[in-house]
């Protein structure tokens, strides 16, 4: 799991009561980044959900849960895909309220735009995130490449994937 310096500082400043939630966040992050598949995404979503139930003020867990719910929606890894999308929006909104400039919150917002077919805005947001914080949301250039590939911009997606290789 790769984290930015700001995320590391934030993790070190966690009150004792929120440590369980932060542990659940890290376990969720590990599951989500292990390999993109339904089981890992479901496990990550469940761990993030536990984290926010323990600490509802954890913007990172809310944003990550939003991304996991978006993933379940977009890949149709749920019997209730519309409910997954509504939950993604709800947790993105909570993350925005708590920490609107958190990189994971910005990534969650960009993926919501993408799901709403606001591709130009989503790509612009993902591009800004990638330039500002290349490791945001796991790897911001990978997010950008995936989005570009999904809107038929394969050559640009390939360029972004080359940036992924340089960043990691």
C-alpha atoms as a PDB file:
ATOM      1  CA  UNK A   1       0.000   0.000   0.000  1.00  0.00           C
ATOM      2  CA  UNK A   2       1.443   3.360  -1.006  1.00  0.00           C
ATOM      3  CA  UNK A   3       0.538   6.490   0.896  1.00  0.00           C
ATOM      4  CA  UNK A   4       1.402  10.153   0.487  1.00  0.00           C
ATOM      5  CA  UNK A   5       3.324  12.048   3.142  1.00  0.00           C
ATOM      6  CA  UNK A   6       0.118  13.854   4.147  1.00  0.00           C
ATOM      7  CA  UNK A   7      -1.670  10.531   4.663  1.00  0.00           C
ATOM      8  CA  UNK A   8       1.196   9.232   6.783  1.00  0.00           C
ATOM      9  CA  UNK A   9       1.120  12.391   8.927  1.00  0.00           C
ATOM     10  CA  UNK A  10      -2.655  12.117   9.244  1.00  0.00           C
ATOM     11  CA  UNK A  11      -2.340   8.467  10.311  1.00  0.00           C
ATOM     12  CA  UNK A  12       0.223   9.398  12.971  1.00  0.00           C
ATOM     13  CA  UNK A  13      -2.053  12.088  14.433  1.00  0.00           C
ATOM     14  CA  UNK A  14      -5.058   9.820  14.990  1.00  0.00           C
ATOM     15  CA  UNK A  15      -6.724   9.954  18.406  1.00  0.00           C
ATOM     16  CA  UNK A  16      -6.592   6.665  20.308  1.00  0.00           C
ATOM     17  CA  UNK A  17     -10.362   6.124  19.934  1.00  0.00           C
ATOM     18  CA  UNK A  18     -10.010   6.127  16.150  1.00  0.00           C
ATOM     19  CA  UNK A  19      -7.132   3.665  15.900  1.00  0.00           C
ATOM     20  CA  UNK A  20      -9.462   0.705  15.334  1.00  0.00           C
ATOM     21  CA  UNK A  21     -11.120   2.580  12.482  1.00  0.00           C
ATOM     22  CA  UNK A  22      -7.734   3.417  11.001  1.00  0.00           C
ATOM     23  CA  UNK A  23      -6.643  -0.222  11.239  1.00  0.00           C
ATOM     24  CA  UNK A  24      -9.810  -1.242   9.416  1.00  0.00           C
ATOM     25  CA  UNK A  25      -9.084   1.405   6.774  1.00  0.00           C
ATOM     26  CA  UNK A  26      -5.604  -0.017   6.177  1.00  0.00           C
ATOM     27  CA  UNK A  27      -6.968  -3.565   5.966  1.00  0.00           C
ATOM     28  CA  UNK A  28      -9.565  -2.336   3.482  1.00  0.00           C
ATOM     29  CA  UNK A  29      -6.884  -0.568   1.453  1.00  0.00           C
ATOM     30  CA  UNK A  30      -4.844  -3.769   1.386  1.00  0.00           C
ATOM     31  CA  UNK A  31      -7.844  -5.768   0.156  1.00  0.00           C
ATOM     32  CA  UNK A  32      -8.757  -3.161  -2.470  1.00  0.00           C
ATOM     33  CA  UNK A  33      -5.247  -2.891  -3.901  1.00  0.00           C
ATOM     34  CA  UNK A  34      -4.418  -6.598  -3.752  1.00  0.00           C
ATOM     35  CA  UNK A  35      -6.078  -7.404  -7.083  1.00  0.00           C
ATOM     36  CA  UNK A  36      -9.157  -5.937  -8.698  1.00  0.00           C
ATOM     37  CA  UNK A  37     -11.825  -8.587  -8.294  1.00  0.00           C
ATOM     38  CA  UNK A  38     -15.295  -8.818  -6.803  1.00  0.00           C
ATOM     39  CA  UNK A  39     -14.222 -10.601  -3.605  1.00  0.00           C
ATOM     40  CA  UNK A  40     -11.471  -8.081  -2.795  1.00  0.00           C
ATOM     41  CA  UNK A  41     -13.749  -5.141  -3.538  1.00  0.00           C
ATOM     42  CA  UNK A  42     -16.499  -6.589  -1.331  1.00  0.00           C
ATOM     43  CA  UNK A  43     -14.011  -7.200   1.485  1.00  0.00           C
ATOM     44  CA  UNK A  44     -12.612  -3.681   1.163  1.00  0.00           C
ATOM     45  CA  UNK A  45     -16.103  -2.146   1.181  1.00  0.00           C
ATOM     46  CA  UNK A  46     -17.028  -4.142   4.285  1.00  0.00           C
ATOM     47  CA  UNK A  47     -13.849  -3.060   6.105  1.00  0.00           C
ATOM     48  CA  UNK A  48     -14.306   0.590   5.121  1.00  0.00           C
ATOM     49  CA  UNK A  49     -17.941   0.395   6.283  1.00  0.00           C
ATOM     50  CA  UNK A  50     -16.779  -0.934   9.655  1.00  0.00           C
ATOM     51  CA  UNK A  51     -14.246   1.891   9.879  1.00  0.00           C
ATOM     52  CA  UNK A  52     -16.873   4.588   9.298  1.00  0.00           C
ATOM     53  CA  UNK A  53     -19.247   2.922  11.751  1.00  0.00           C
ATOM     54  CA  UNK A  54     -16.537   3.240  14.413  1.00  0.00           C
ATOM     55  CA  UNK A  55     -15.405   6.730  13.403  1.00  0.00           C
ATOM     56  CA  UNK A  56     -17.885   8.665  11.278  1.00  0.00           C
ATOM     57  CA  UNK A  57     -15.404  11.573  11.084  1.00  0.00           C
ATOM     58  CA  UNK A  58     -12.833   9.527   9.150  1.00  0.00           C
ATOM     59  CA  UNK A  59     -12.840  11.275   5.748  1.00  0.00           C
ATOM     60  CA  UNK A  60     -10.308   8.828   4.324  1.00  0.00           C
ATOM     61  CA  UNK A  61     -12.513   5.829   5.144  1.00  0.00           C
ATOM     62  CA  UNK A  62     -15.611   7.583   3.737  1.00  0.00           C
ATOM     63  CA  UNK A  63     -13.811   8.489   0.496  1.00  0.00           C
ATOM     64  CA  UNK A  64     -12.393   4.978   0.166  1.00  0.00           C
ATOM     65  CA  UNK A  65     -15.804   3.449   0.801  1.00  0.00           C
ATOM     66  CA  UNK A  66     -17.198   5.720  -1.910  1.00  0.00           C
ATOM     67  CA  UNK A  67     -14.566   4.467  -4.364  1.00  0.00           C
ATOM     68  CA  UNK A  68     -15.243   0.823  -3.442  1.00  0.00           C
ATOM     69  CA  UNK A  69     -19.010   1.343  -3.815  1.00  0.00           C
ATOM     70  CA  UNK A  70     -18.432   3.057  -7.175  1.00  0.00           C
ATOM     71  CA  UNK A  71     -16.326   0.079  -8.278  1.00  0.00           C
ATOM     72  CA  UNK A  72     -19.055  -2.373  -7.232  1.00  0.00           C
ATOM     73  CA  UNK A  73     -21.558  -0.244  -9.166  1.00  0.00           C
ATOM     74  CA  UNK A  74     -19.544   0.169 -12.352  1.00  0.00           C
ATOM     75  CA  UNK A  75     -18.484  -3.503 -12.555  1.00  0.00           C
ATOM     76  CA  UNK A  76     -21.983  -4.601 -11.538  1.00  0.00           C
ATOM     77  CA  UNK A  77     -20.567  -6.601  -8.629  1.00  0.00           C
ATOM     78  CA  UNK A  78     -23.760  -6.299  -6.649  1.00  0.00           C
ATOM     79  CA  UNK A  79     -27.388  -7.300  -6.873  1.00  0.00           C
ATOM     80  CA  UNK A  80     -28.243  -3.722  -5.959  1.00  0.00           C
ATOM     81  CA  UNK A  81     -26.040  -1.644  -8.261  1.00  0.00           C
ATOM     82  CA  UNK A  82     -28.130   1.517  -7.949  1.00  0.00           C
ATOM     83  CA  UNK A  83     -27.967   1.295  -4.151  1.00  0.00           C
ATOM     84  CA  UNK A  84     -24.175   0.931  -4.464  1.00  0.00           C
ATOM     85  CA  UNK A  85     -24.050   4.130  -6.519  1.00  0.00           C
ATOM     86  CA  UNK A  86     -26.251   6.017  -4.050  1.00  0.00           C
ATOM     87  CA  UNK A  87     -23.988   4.842  -1.221  1.00  0.00           C
ATOM     88  CA  UNK A  88     -20.938   5.980  -3.219  1.00  0.00           C
ATOM     89  CA  UNK A  89     -22.461   9.457  -3.503  1.00  0.00           C
ATOM     90  CA  UNK A  90     -23.426   9.514   0.177  1.00  0.00           C
ATOM     91  CA  UNK A  91     -19.918   8.592   1.359  1.00  0.00           C
ATOM     92  CA  UNK A  92     -18.278  10.965  -1.135  1.00  0.00           C
ATOM     93  CA  UNK A  93     -20.493  13.746   0.225  1.00  0.00           C
ATOM     94  CA  UNK A  94     -19.558  12.885   3.819  1.00  0.00           C
ATOM     95  CA  UNK A  95     -15.852  12.852   2.902  1.00  0.00           C
ATOM     96  CA  UNK A  96     -16.261  16.243   1.182  1.00  0.00           C
ATOM     97  CA  UNK A  97     -17.902  17.663   4.288  1.00  0.00           C
ATOM     98  CA  UNK A  98     -15.095  16.387   6.523  1.00  0.00           C
ATOM     99  CA  UNK A  99     -12.085  17.115   4.288  1.00  0.00           C
ATOM    100  CA  UNK A 100     -12.885  18.541   0.852  1.00  0.00           C
ATOM    101  CA  UNK A 101      -9.219  18.755  -0.202  1.00  0.00           C
ATOM    102  CA  UNK A 102      -8.233  15.210   0.765  1.00  0.00           C
ATOM    103  CA  UNK A 103      -6.873  13.519  -2.353  1.00  0.00           C
ATOM    104  CA  UNK A 104      -9.027  10.415  -1.882  1.00  0.00           C
ATOM    105  CA  UNK A 105     -12.099  12.668  -1.624  1.00  0.00           C
ATOM    106  CA  UNK A 106     -11.139  14.273  -4.933  1.00  0.00           C
ATOM    107  CA  UNK A 107     -10.657  10.836  -6.535  1.00  0.00           C
ATOM    108  CA  UNK A 108     -14.066   9.691  -5.259  1.00  0.00           C
ATOM    109  CA  UNK A 109     -15.633  12.866  -6.659  1.00  0.00           C
ATOM    110  CA  UNK A 110     -14.011  12.315 -10.048  1.00  0.00           C
ATOM    111  CA  UNK A 111     -15.304   8.730 -10.261  1.00  0.00           C
ATOM    112  CA  UNK A 112     -18.817   9.912  -9.375  1.00  0.00           C
ATOM    113  CA  UNK A 113     -18.581  12.399 -12.269  1.00  0.00           C
ATOM    114  CA  UNK A 114     -17.455   9.544 -14.501  1.00  0.00           C
ATOM    115  CA  UNK A 115     -20.416   7.382 -13.477  1.00  0.00           C
ATOM    116  CA  UNK A 116     -22.712  10.306 -14.217  1.00  0.00           C
ATOM    117  CA  UNK A 117     -21.256  10.391 -17.757  1.00  0.00           C
ATOM    118  CA  UNK A 118     -19.622  13.770 -17.141  1.00  0.00           C
ATOM    119  CA  UNK A 119     -16.488  12.481 -18.811  1.00  0.00           C
ATOM    120  CA  UNK A 120     -14.785  15.794 -19.606  1.00  0.00           C
ATOM    121  CA  UNK A 121     -15.120  16.982 -16.011  1.00  0.00           C
ATOM    122  CA  UNK A 122     -14.060  13.587 -14.636  1.00  0.00           C
ATOM    123  CA  UNK A 123     -10.970  13.406 -16.846  1.00  0.00           C
ATOM    124  CA  UNK A 124     -10.008  16.989 -15.982  1.00  0.00           C
ATOM    125  CA  UNK A 125     -10.368  16.223 -12.259  1.00  0.00           C
ATOM    126  CA  UNK A 126      -8.348  12.999 -12.494  1.00  0.00           C
ATOM    127  CA  UNK A 127      -5.669  14.801 -14.501  1.00  0.00           C
ATOM    128  CA  UNK A 128      -5.402  17.568 -11.848  1.00  0.00           C
ATOM    129  CA  UNK A 129      -5.158  14.951  -9.104  1.00  0.00           C
ATOM    130  CA  UNK A 130      -2.472  12.995 -10.976  1.00  0.00           C
ATOM    131  CA  UNK A 131      -0.346  16.096 -11.516  1.00  0.00           C
ATOM    132  CA  UNK A 132      -0.712  17.269  -7.908  1.00  0.00           C
ATOM    133  CA  UNK A 133      -0.449  13.925  -6.081  1.00  0.00           C
ATOM    134  CA  UNK A 134       0.610  11.000  -8.308  1.00  0.00           C
ATOM    135  CA  UNK A 135      -0.088   8.379  -5.630  1.00  0.00           C
ATOM    136  CA  UNK A 136      -3.549   9.669  -4.688  1.00  0.00           C
ATOM    137  CA  UNK A 137      -6.174   6.967  -4.550  1.00  0.00           C
ATOM    138  CA  UNK A 138      -3.552   4.265  -5.024  1.00  0.00           C
ATOM    139  CA  UNK A 139      -2.055   5.656  -8.200  1.00  0.00           C
ATOM    140  CA  UNK A 140      -3.679   8.681  -9.777  1.00  0.00           C
ATOM    141  CA  UNK A 141      -2.149   8.045 -13.205  1.00  0.00           C
ATOM    142  CA  UNK A 142      -3.662   4.539 -13.191  1.00  0.00           C
ATOM    143  CA  UNK A 143      -7.068   6.085 -12.412  1.00  0.00           C
ATOM    144  CA  UNK A 144      -6.572   8.531 -15.284  1.00  0.00           C
ATOM    145  CA  UNK A 145      -5.481   5.751 -17.663  1.00  0.00           C
ATOM    146  CA  UNK A 146      -8.492   3.622 -16.762  1.00  0.00           C
ATOM    147  CA  UNK A 147     -10.868   6.532 -17.311  1.00  0.00           C
ATOM    148  CA  UNK A 148      -9.302   7.421 -20.671  1.00  0.00           C
ATOM    149  CA  UNK A 149      -9.407   3.809 -21.831  1.00  0.00           C
ATOM    150  CA  UNK A 150     -13.094   3.637 -20.962  1.00  0.00           C
ATOM    151  CA  UNK A 151     -13.941   6.653 -23.118  1.00  0.00           C
ATOM    152  CA  UNK A 152     -12.068   5.389 -26.171  1.00  0.00           C
ATOM    153  CA  UNK A 153      -8.840   7.330 -25.707  1.00  0.00           C
ATOM    154  CA  UNK A 154      -6.518   4.319 -25.821  1.00  0.00           C
ATOM    155  CA  UNK A 155      -3.357   6.110 -26.970  1.00  0.00           C
ATOM    156  CA  UNK A 156      -3.651   8.621 -24.131  1.00  0.00           C
ATOM    157  CA  UNK A 157      -4.389   5.795 -21.688  1.00  0.00           C
ATOM    158  CA  UNK A 158      -1.174   4.088 -22.758  1.00  0.00           C
ATOM    159  CA  UNK A 159       0.778   7.292 -22.050  1.00  0.00           C
ATOM    160  CA  UNK A 160      -0.751   7.475 -18.575  1.00  0.00           C
ATOM    161  CA  UNK A 161       0.161   3.831 -17.941  1.00  0.00           C
ATOM    162  CA  UNK A 162       3.776   4.657 -18.772  1.00  0.00           C
ATOM    163  CA  UNK A 163       3.579   7.352 -16.087  1.00  0.00           C
ATOM    164  CA  UNK A 164       2.276   4.694 -13.670  1.00  0.00           C
ATOM    165  CA  UNK A 165       5.417   2.672 -14.302  1.00  0.00           C
ATOM    166  CA  UNK A 166       7.629   5.699 -13.622  1.00  0.00           C
ATOM    167  CA  UNK A 167       5.765   6.601 -10.404  1.00  0.00           C
ATOM    168  CA  UNK A 168       5.741   3.111  -8.889  1.00  0.00           C
END
